Amino acid sequence: MIYKKHLRKLQGDVLPRIISVYSHIGVHNVAFELPHDVFWVTASPDMPHVLKKRAIEALQKAHDAKVVHHRLRMSRILICAD
């Protein structure tokens, strides 16, 4: 249900492709493919402003789709070559 209602339309744009969704009372865990075959890094305070802006825009798209990350931190934001 969470996949069809919220996550499917974000795949390939805001989210990497989804392998599986695990749901339990009030908690959903999602397993993703790697975000890019060749290059990806985690977000950092010293990354270029343009990448920070893209990360914020991606988070906004997720929030607009009613997807909220439970424990958001830079180490969980992946930046890829696309």
PDB file of N, CA and C in Angstrom:
ATOM      1  N   MET A   1       0.815  -1.199   0.000  1.00  0.00           N
ATOM      2  CA  MET A   1       0.000   0.000   0.000  1.00  0.00           C
ATOM      3  C   MET A   1       0.861   1.265   0.000  1.00  0.00           C
ATOM      4  N   ILE A   2       1.851   1.343   0.885  1.00  0.00           N
ATOM      5  CA  ILE A   2       2.705   2.539   0.915  1.00  0.00           C
ATOM      6  C   ILE A   2       3.432   2.708  -0.421  1.00  0.00           C
ATOM      7  N   TYR A   3       3.814   1.580  -1.035  1.00  0.00           N
ATOM      8  CA  TYR A   3       4.505   1.662  -2.318  1.00  0.00           C
ATOM      9  C   TYR A   3       3.597   2.278  -3.377  1.00  0.00           C
ATOM     10  N   LYS A   4       2.401   1.738  -3.527  1.00  0.00           N
ATOM     11  CA  LYS A   4       1.485   2.217  -4.566  1.00  0.00           C
ATOM     12  C   LYS A   4       1.031   3.647  -4.319  1.00  0.00           C
ATOM     13  N   LYS A   5       0.803   4.011  -3.063  1.00  0.00           N
ATOM     14  CA  LYS A   5       0.267   5.342  -2.758  1.00  0.00           C
ATOM     15  C   LYS A   5       1.330   6.430  -2.727  1.00  0.00           C
ATOM     16  N   HIS A   6       2.553   6.089  -2.322  1.00  0.00           N
ATOM     17  CA  HIS A   6       3.528   7.144  -2.062  1.00  0.00           C
ATOM     18  C   HIS A   6       4.878   6.990  -2.768  1.00  0.00           C
ATOM     19  N   LEU A   7       5.393   5.788  -2.854  1.00  0.00           N
ATOM     20  CA  LEU A   7       6.778   5.615  -3.299  1.00  0.00           C
ATOM     21  C   LEU A   7       6.952   5.395  -4.799  1.00  0.00           C
ATOM     22  N   ARG A   8       6.006   4.753  -5.452  1.00  0.00           N
ATOM     23  CA  ARG A   8       6.173   4.389  -6.867  1.00  0.00           C
ATOM     24  C   ARG A   8       6.517   5.593  -7.733  1.00  0.00           C
ATOM     25  N   LYS A   9       5.803   6.697  -7.566  1.00  0.00           N
ATOM     26  CA  LYS A   9       6.019   7.862  -8.433  1.00  0.00           C
ATOM     27  C   LYS A   9       7.342   8.581  -8.157  1.00  0.00           C
ATOM     28  N   LEU A  10       7.996   8.275  -7.042  1.00  0.00           N
ATOM     29  CA  LEU A  10       9.269   8.918  -6.701  1.00  0.00           C
ATOM     30  C   LEU A  10      10.485   8.137  -7.208  1.00  0.00           C
ATOM     31  N   GLN A  11      10.287   6.881  -7.610  1.00  0.00           N
ATOM     32  CA  GLN A  11      11.403   6.047  -8.060  1.00  0.00           C
ATOM     33  C   GLN A  11      12.081   6.618  -9.293  1.00  0.00           C
ATOM     34  N   GLY A  12      13.400   6.613  -9.280  1.00  0.00           N
ATOM     35  CA  GLY A  12      14.163   7.089 -10.421  1.00  0.00           C
ATOM     36  C   GLY A  12      14.326   8.595 -10.464  1.00  0.00           C
ATOM     37  N   ASP A  13      13.581   9.312  -9.635  1.00  0.00           N
ATOM     38  CA  ASP A  13      13.690  10.774  -9.566  1.00  0.00           C
ATOM     39  C   ASP A  13      14.253  11.160  -8.206  1.00  0.00           C
ATOM     40  N   VAL A  14      13.500  10.917  -7.177  1.00  0.00           N
ATOM     41  CA  VAL A  14      13.900  11.259  -5.812  1.00  0.00           C
ATOM     42  C   VAL A  14      14.499  10.046  -5.103  1.00  0.00           C
ATOM     43  N   LEU A  15      14.018   8.876  -5.443  1.00  0.00           N
ATOM     44  CA  LEU A  15      14.461   7.640  -4.796  1.00  0.00           C
ATOM     45  C   LEU A  15      15.085   6.696  -5.810  1.00  0.00           C
ATOM     46  N   PRO A  16      16.086   5.905  -5.377  1.00  0.00           N
ATOM     47  CA  PRO A  16      16.558   4.830  -6.243  1.00  0.00           C
ATOM     48  C   PRO A  16      15.432   3.796  -6.414  1.00  0.00           C
ATOM     49  N   ARG A  17      15.612   2.865  -7.320  1.00  0.00           N
ATOM     50  CA  ARG A  17      14.617   1.807  -7.512  1.00  0.00           C
ATOM     51  C   ARG A  17      14.442   1.009  -6.218  1.00  0.00           C
ATOM     52  N   ILE A  18      13.204   0.671  -5.933  1.00  0.00           N
ATOM     53  CA  ILE A  18      12.869  -0.045  -4.705  1.00  0.00           C
ATOM     54  C   ILE A  18      12.927  -1.548  -4.955  1.00  0.00           C
ATOM     55  N   ILE A  19      13.606  -2.256  -4.053  1.00  0.00           N
ATOM     56  CA  ILE A  19      13.670  -3.710  -4.116  1.00  0.00           C
ATOM     57  C   ILE A  19      12.477  -4.305  -3.379  1.00  0.00           C
ATOM     58  N   SER A  20      12.230  -3.811  -2.159  1.00  0.00           N
ATOM     59  CA  SER A  20      11.143  -4.350  -1.355  1.00  0.00           C
ATOM     60  C   SER A  20      10.747  -3.358  -0.267  1.00  0.00           C
ATOM     61  N   VAL A  21       9.510  -3.468   0.188  1.00  0.00           N
ATOM     62  CA  VAL A  21       9.009  -2.651   1.295  1.00  0.00           C
ATOM     63  C   VAL A  21       8.567  -3.603   2.399  1.00  0.00           C
ATOM     64  N   TYR A  22       9.048  -3.359   3.610  1.00  0.00           N
ATOM     65  CA  TYR A  22       8.680  -4.154   4.771  1.00  0.00           C
ATOM     66  C   TYR A  22       7.855  -3.271   5.696  1.00  0.00           C
ATOM     67  N   SER A  23       6.660  -3.722   6.022  1.00  0.00           N
ATOM     68  CA  SER A  23       5.781  -2.927   6.874  1.00  0.00           C
ATOM     69  C   SER A  23       5.454  -3.683   8.148  1.00  0.00           C
ATOM     70  N   HIS A  24       5.402  -2.938   9.227  1.00  0.00           N
ATOM     71  CA  HIS A  24       4.995  -3.457  10.520  1.00  0.00           C
ATOM     72  C   HIS A  24       4.250  -2.327  11.207  1.00  0.00           C
ATOM     73  N   ILE A  25       3.410  -2.598  12.097  1.00  0.00           N
ATOM     74  CA  ILE A  25       2.539  -1.634  12.763  1.00  0.00           C
ATOM     75  C   ILE A  25       3.178  -0.246  12.884  1.00  0.00           C
ATOM     76  N   GLY A  26       2.773   0.660  11.995  1.00  0.00           N
ATOM     77  CA  GLY A  26       3.220   2.048  12.048  1.00  0.00           C
ATOM     78  C   GLY A  26       4.627   2.327  11.555  1.00  0.00           C
ATOM     79  N   VAL A  27       5.358   1.301  11.119  1.00  0.00           N
ATOM     80  CA  VAL A  27       6.741   1.481  10.670  1.00  0.00           C
ATOM     81  C   VAL A  27       6.905   0.823   9.300  1.00  0.00           C
ATOM     82  N   HIS A  28       7.582   1.519   8.394  1.00  0.00           N
ATOM     83  CA  HIS A  28       7.854   0.975   7.068  1.00  0.00           C
ATOM     84  C   HIS A  28       9.354   1.079   6.805  1.00  0.00           C
ATOM     85  N   ASN A  29       9.955  -0.005   6.379  1.00  0.00           N
ATOM     86  CA  ASN A  29      11.357  -0.015   5.978  1.00  0.00           C
ATOM     87  C   ASN A  29      11.423  -0.343   4.498  1.00  0.00           C
ATOM     88  N   VAL A  30      12.288   0.362   3.788  1.00  0.00           N
ATOM     89  CA  VAL A  30      12.378   0.198   2.347  1.00  0.00           C
ATOM     90  C   VAL A  30      13.808  -0.182   1.974  1.00  0.00           C
ATOM     91  N   ALA A  31      13.951  -1.234   1.164  1.00  0.00           N
ATOM     92  CA  ALA A  31      15.261  -1.641   0.648  1.00  0.00           C
ATOM     93  C   ALA A  31      15.383  -1.120  -0.783  1.00  0.00           C
ATOM     94  N   PHE A  32      16.459  -0.386  -1.056  1.00  0.00           N
ATOM     95  CA  PHE A  32      16.676   0.235  -2.363  1.00  0.00           C
ATOM     96  C   PHE A  32      17.874  -0.382  -3.072  1.00  0.00           C
ATOM     97  N   GLU A  33      17.877  -0.275  -4.408  1.00  0.00           N
ATOM     98  CA  GLU A  33      19.081  -0.564  -5.177  1.00  0.00           C
ATOM     99  C   GLU A  33      20.077   0.560  -4.921  1.00  0.00           C
ATOM    100  N   LEU A  34      21.339   0.345  -5.275  1.00  0.00           N
ATOM    101  CA  LEU A  34      22.303   1.442  -5.218  1.00  0.00           C
ATOM    102  C   LEU A  34      21.812   2.556  -6.134  1.00  0.00           C
ATOM    103  N   PRO A  35      22.041   3.816  -5.779  1.00  0.00           N
ATOM    104  CA  PRO A  35      21.484   4.918  -6.557  1.00  0.00           C
ATOM    105  C   PRO A  35      22.081   5.091  -7.949  1.00  0.00           C
ATOM    106  N   HIS A  36      23.277   4.581  -8.186  1.00  0.00           N
ATOM    107  CA  HIS A  36      23.916   4.741  -9.492  1.00  0.00           C
ATOM    108  C   HIS A  36      24.934   3.620  -9.661  1.00  0.00           C
ATOM    109  N   ASP A  37      25.105   3.136 -10.874  1.00  0.00           N
ATOM    110  CA  ASP A  37      26.036   2.031 -11.127  1.00  0.00           C
ATOM    111  C   ASP A  37      27.495   2.414 -10.935  1.00  0.00           C
ATOM    112  N   VAL A  38      27.837   3.669 -11.209  1.00  0.00           N
ATOM    113  CA  VAL A  38      29.238   4.069 -11.241  1.00  0.00           C
ATOM    114  C   VAL A  38      29.626   4.989 -10.089  1.00  0.00           C
ATOM    115  N   PHE A  39      28.805   5.995  -9.803  1.00  0.00           N
ATOM    116  CA  PHE A  39      29.232   7.033  -8.862  1.00  0.00           C
ATOM    117  C   PHE A  39      28.097   7.457  -7.943  1.00  0.00           C
ATOM    118  N   TRP A  40      28.372   7.472  -6.640  1.00  0.00           N
ATOM    119  CA  TRP A  40      27.478   8.086  -5.667  1.00  0.00           C
ATOM    120  C   TRP A  40      28.258   8.341  -4.383  1.00  0.00           C
ATOM    121  N   VAL A  41      27.856   9.377  -3.664  1.00  0.00           N
ATOM    122  CA  VAL A  41      28.484   9.757  -2.398  1.00  0.00           C
ATOM    123  C   VAL A  41      27.381  10.146  -1.420  1.00  0.00           C
ATOM    124  N   THR A  42      27.726  10.191  -0.149  1.00  0.00           N
ATOM    125  CA  THR A  42      26.773  10.698   0.836  1.00  0.00           C
ATOM    126  C   THR A  42      26.894  12.215   0.910  1.00  0.00           C
ATOM    127  N   ALA A  43      25.819  12.851   1.310  1.00  0.00           N
ATOM    128  CA  ALA A  43      25.817  14.310   1.445  1.00  0.00           C
ATOM    129  C   ALA A  43      26.808  14.733   2.525  1.00  0.00           C
ATOM    130  N   SER A  44      27.325  15.956   2.382  1.00  0.00           N
ATOM    131  CA  SER A  44      28.268  16.489   3.370  1.00  0.00           C
ATOM    132  C   SER A  44      28.112  18.005   3.446  1.00  0.00           C
ATOM    133  N   PRO A  45      28.535  18.606   4.553  1.00  0.00           N
ATOM    134  CA  PRO A  45      28.400  20.057   4.703  1.00  0.00           C
ATOM    135  C   PRO A  45      29.167  20.844   3.645  1.00  0.00           C
ATOM    136  N   ASP A  46      30.242  20.260   3.107  1.00  0.00           N
ATOM    137  CA  ASP A  46      31.065  21.006   2.150  1.00  0.00           C
ATOM    138  C   ASP A  46      30.759  20.675   0.685  1.00  0.00           C
ATOM    139  N   MET A  47      29.659  19.969   0.424  1.00  0.00           N
ATOM    140  CA  MET A  47      29.321  19.699  -0.976  1.00  0.00           C
ATOM    141  C   MET A  47      28.860  20.992  -1.642  1.00  0.00           C
ATOM    142  N   PRO A  48      28.960  21.086  -2.962  1.00  0.00           N
ATOM    143  CA  PRO A  48      28.598  22.317  -3.670  1.00  0.00           C
ATOM    144  C   PRO A  48      27.144  22.730  -3.420  1.00  0.00           C
ATOM    145  N   HIS A  49      26.915  24.032  -3.456  1.00  0.00           N
ATOM    146  CA  HIS A  49      25.584  24.595  -3.209  1.00  0.00           C
ATOM    147  C   HIS A  49      24.534  23.996  -4.146  1.00  0.00           C
ATOM    148  N   VAL A  50      24.889  23.770  -5.391  1.00  0.00           N
ATOM    149  CA  VAL A  50      23.929  23.224  -6.356  1.00  0.00           C
ATOM    150  C   VAL A  50      23.455  21.832  -5.928  1.00  0.00           C
ATOM    151  N   LEU A  51      24.333  21.023  -5.342  1.00  0.00           N
ATOM    152  CA  LEU A  51      23.932  19.700  -4.863  1.00  0.00           C
ATOM    153  C   LEU A  51      23.079  19.802  -3.608  1.00  0.00           C
ATOM    154  N   LYS A  52      23.400  20.761  -2.749  1.00  0.00           N
ATOM    155  CA  LYS A  52      22.560  20.982  -1.562  1.00  0.00           C
ATOM    156  C   LYS A  52      21.146  21.358  -1.982  1.00  0.00           C
ATOM    157  N   LYS A  53      21.054  22.227  -2.979  1.00  0.00           N
ATOM    158  CA  LYS A  53      19.746  22.662  -3.473  1.00  0.00           C
ATOM    159  C   LYS A  53      18.969  21.475  -4.047  1.00  0.00           C
ATOM    160  N   ARG A  54      19.638  20.628  -4.820  1.00  0.00           N
ATOM    161  CA  ARG A  54      18.971  19.452  -5.393  1.00  0.00           C
ATOM    162  C   ARG A  54      18.516  18.485  -4.304  1.00  0.00           C
ATOM    163  N   ALA A  55      19.313  18.335  -3.256  1.00  0.00           N
ATOM    164  CA  ALA A  55      18.929  17.454  -2.148  1.00  0.00           C
ATOM    165  C   ALA A  55      17.688  17.988  -1.439  1.00  0.00           C
ATOM    166  N   ILE A  56      17.651  19.296  -1.210  1.00  0.00           N
ATOM    167  CA  ILE A  56      16.485  19.906  -0.565  1.00  0.00           C
ATOM    168  C   ILE A  56      15.250  19.762  -1.447  1.00  0.00           C
ATOM    169  N   GLU A  57      15.402  19.972  -2.744  1.00  0.00           N
ATOM    170  CA  GLU A  57      14.272  19.815  -3.672  1.00  0.00           C
ATOM    171  C   GLU A  57      13.760  18.371  -3.670  1.00  0.00           C
ATOM    172  N   ALA A  58      14.664  17.405  -3.610  1.00  0.00           N
ATOM    173  CA  ALA A  58      14.257  15.998  -3.574  1.00  0.00           C
ATOM    174  C   ALA A  58      13.502  15.686  -2.286  1.00  0.00           C
ATOM    175  N   LEU A  59      13.993  16.210  -1.166  1.00  0.00           N
ATOM    176  CA  LEU A  59      13.286  16.009   0.105  1.00  0.00           C
ATOM    177  C   LEU A  59      11.904  16.645   0.073  1.00  0.00           C
ATOM    178  N   GLN A  60      11.800  17.805  -0.554  1.00  0.00           N
ATOM    179  CA  GLN A  60      10.500  18.466  -0.657  1.00  0.00           C
ATOM    180  C   GLN A  60       9.532  17.623  -1.480  1.00  0.00           C
ATOM    181  N   LYS A  61      10.017  17.038  -2.581  1.00  0.00           N
ATOM    182  CA  LYS A  61       9.160  16.161  -3.393  1.00  0.00           C
ATOM    183  C   LYS A  61       8.680  14.963  -2.568  1.00  0.00           C
ATOM    184  N   ALA A  62       9.581  14.390  -1.788  1.00  0.00           N
ATOM    185  CA  ALA A  62       9.198  13.258  -0.940  1.00  0.00           C
ATOM    186  C   ALA A  62       8.151  13.686   0.082  1.00  0.00           C
ATOM    187  N   HIS A  63       8.369  14.815   0.726  1.00  0.00           N
ATOM    188  CA  HIS A  63       7.401  15.306   1.717  1.00  0.00           C
ATOM    189  C   HIS A  63       6.066  15.631   1.067  1.00  0.00           C
ATOM    190  N   ASP A  64       6.092  16.200  -0.132  1.00  0.00           N
ATOM    191  CA  ASP A  64       4.848  16.490  -0.856  1.00  0.00           C
ATOM    192  C   ASP A  64       4.067  15.212  -1.154  1.00  0.00           C
ATOM    193  N   ALA A  65       4.790  14.094  -1.312  1.00  0.00           N
ATOM    194  CA  ALA A  65       4.154  12.797  -1.560  1.00  0.00           C
ATOM    195  C   ALA A  65       3.816  12.082  -0.252  1.00  0.00           C
ATOM    196  N   LYS A  66       3.935  12.804   0.860  1.00  0.00           N
ATOM    197  CA  LYS A  66       3.627  12.288   2.196  1.00  0.00           C
ATOM    198  C   LYS A  66       4.606  11.207   2.667  1.00  0.00           C
ATOM    199  N   VAL A  67       5.843  11.306   2.193  1.00  0.00           N
ATOM    200  CA  VAL A  67       6.908  10.409   2.631  1.00  0.00           C
ATOM    201  C   VAL A  67       7.823  11.207   3.548  1.00  0.00           C
ATOM    202  N   VAL A  68       7.981  10.736   4.769  1.00  0.00           N
ATOM    203  CA  VAL A  68       8.829  11.415   5.746  1.00  0.00           C
ATOM    204  C   VAL A  68       9.892  10.426   6.210  1.00  0.00           C
ATOM    205  N   HIS A  69      11.135  10.845   6.168  1.00  0.00           N
ATOM    206  CA  HIS A  69      12.242   9.996   6.609  1.00  0.00           C
ATOM    207  C   HIS A  69      12.303  10.039   8.126  1.00  0.00           C
ATOM    208  N   HIS A  70      12.317   8.866   8.740  1.00  0.00           N
ATOM    209  CA  HIS A  70      12.277   8.779  10.205  1.00  0.00           C
ATOM    210  C   HIS A  70      13.531   9.343  10.873  1.00  0.00           C
ATOM    211  N   ARG A  71      14.683   9.021  10.349  1.00  0.00           N
ATOM    212  CA  ARG A  71      15.946   9.473  10.962  1.00  0.00           C
ATOM    213  C   ARG A  71      16.833  10.107   9.898  1.00  0.00           C
ATOM    214  N   LEU A  72      16.431  11.262   9.446  1.00  0.00           N
ATOM    215  CA  LEU A  72      17.163  11.939   8.374  1.00  0.00           C
ATOM    216  C   LEU A  72      18.477  12.508   8.895  1.00  0.00           C
ATOM    217  N   ARG A  73      19.552  12.210   8.168  1.00  0.00           N
ATOM    218  CA  ARG A  73      20.870  12.788   8.439  1.00  0.00           C
ATOM    219  C   ARG A  73      21.662  12.737   7.141  1.00  0.00           C
ATOM    220  N   MET A  74      22.708  13.518   7.076  1.00  0.00           N
ATOM    221  CA  MET A  74      23.475  13.602   5.828  1.00  0.00           C
ATOM    222  C   MET A  74      23.979  12.245   5.358  1.00  0.00           C
ATOM    223  N   SER A  75      24.369  11.384   6.269  1.00  0.00           N
ATOM    224  CA  SER A  75      24.898  10.077   5.865  1.00  0.00           C
ATOM    225  C   SER A  75      23.846   9.200   5.192  1.00  0.00           C
ATOM    226  N   ARG A  76      22.585   9.592   5.261  1.00  0.00           N
ATOM    227  CA  ARG A  76      21.505   8.833   4.624  1.00  0.00           C
ATOM    228  C   ARG A  76      20.973   9.511   3.367  1.00  0.00           C
ATOM    229  N   ILE A  77      21.600  10.606   2.965  1.00  0.00           N
ATOM    230  CA  ILE A  77      21.250  11.275   1.713  1.00  0.00           C
ATOM    231  C   ILE A  77      22.336  10.924   0.704  1.00  0.00           C
ATOM    232  N   LEU A  78      21.942  10.259  -0.366  1.00  0.00           N
ATOM    233  CA  LEU A  78      22.898   9.816  -1.375  1.00  0.00           C
ATOM    234  C   LEU A  78      22.805  10.707  -2.606  1.00  0.00           C
ATOM    235  N   ILE A  79      23.949  11.194  -3.053  1.00  0.00           N
ATOM    236  CA  ILE A  79      24.052  12.046  -4.234  1.00  0.00           C
ATOM    237  C   ILE A  79      24.694  11.202  -5.330  1.00  0.00           C
ATOM    238  N   CYS A  80      24.047  11.132  -6.494  1.00  0.00           N
ATOM    239  CA  CYS A  80      24.612  10.323  -7.575  1.00  0.00           C
ATOM    240  C   CYS A  80      24.868  11.176  -8.811  1.00  0.00           C
ATOM    241  N   ALA A  81      25.461  10.559  -9.808  1.00  0.00           N
ATOM    242  CA  ALA A  81      25.888  11.282 -11.005  1.00  0.00           C
ATOM    243  C   ALA A  81      24.733  11.787 -11.854  1.00  0.00           C
ATOM    244  N   ASP A  82      23.551  11.253 -11.683  1.00  0.00           N
ATOM    245  CA  ASP A  82      22.411  11.679 -12.511  1.00  0.00           C
ATOM    246  C   ASP A  82      21.948  13.032 -12.090  1.00  0.00           C
TER     247      ASP A  82
END
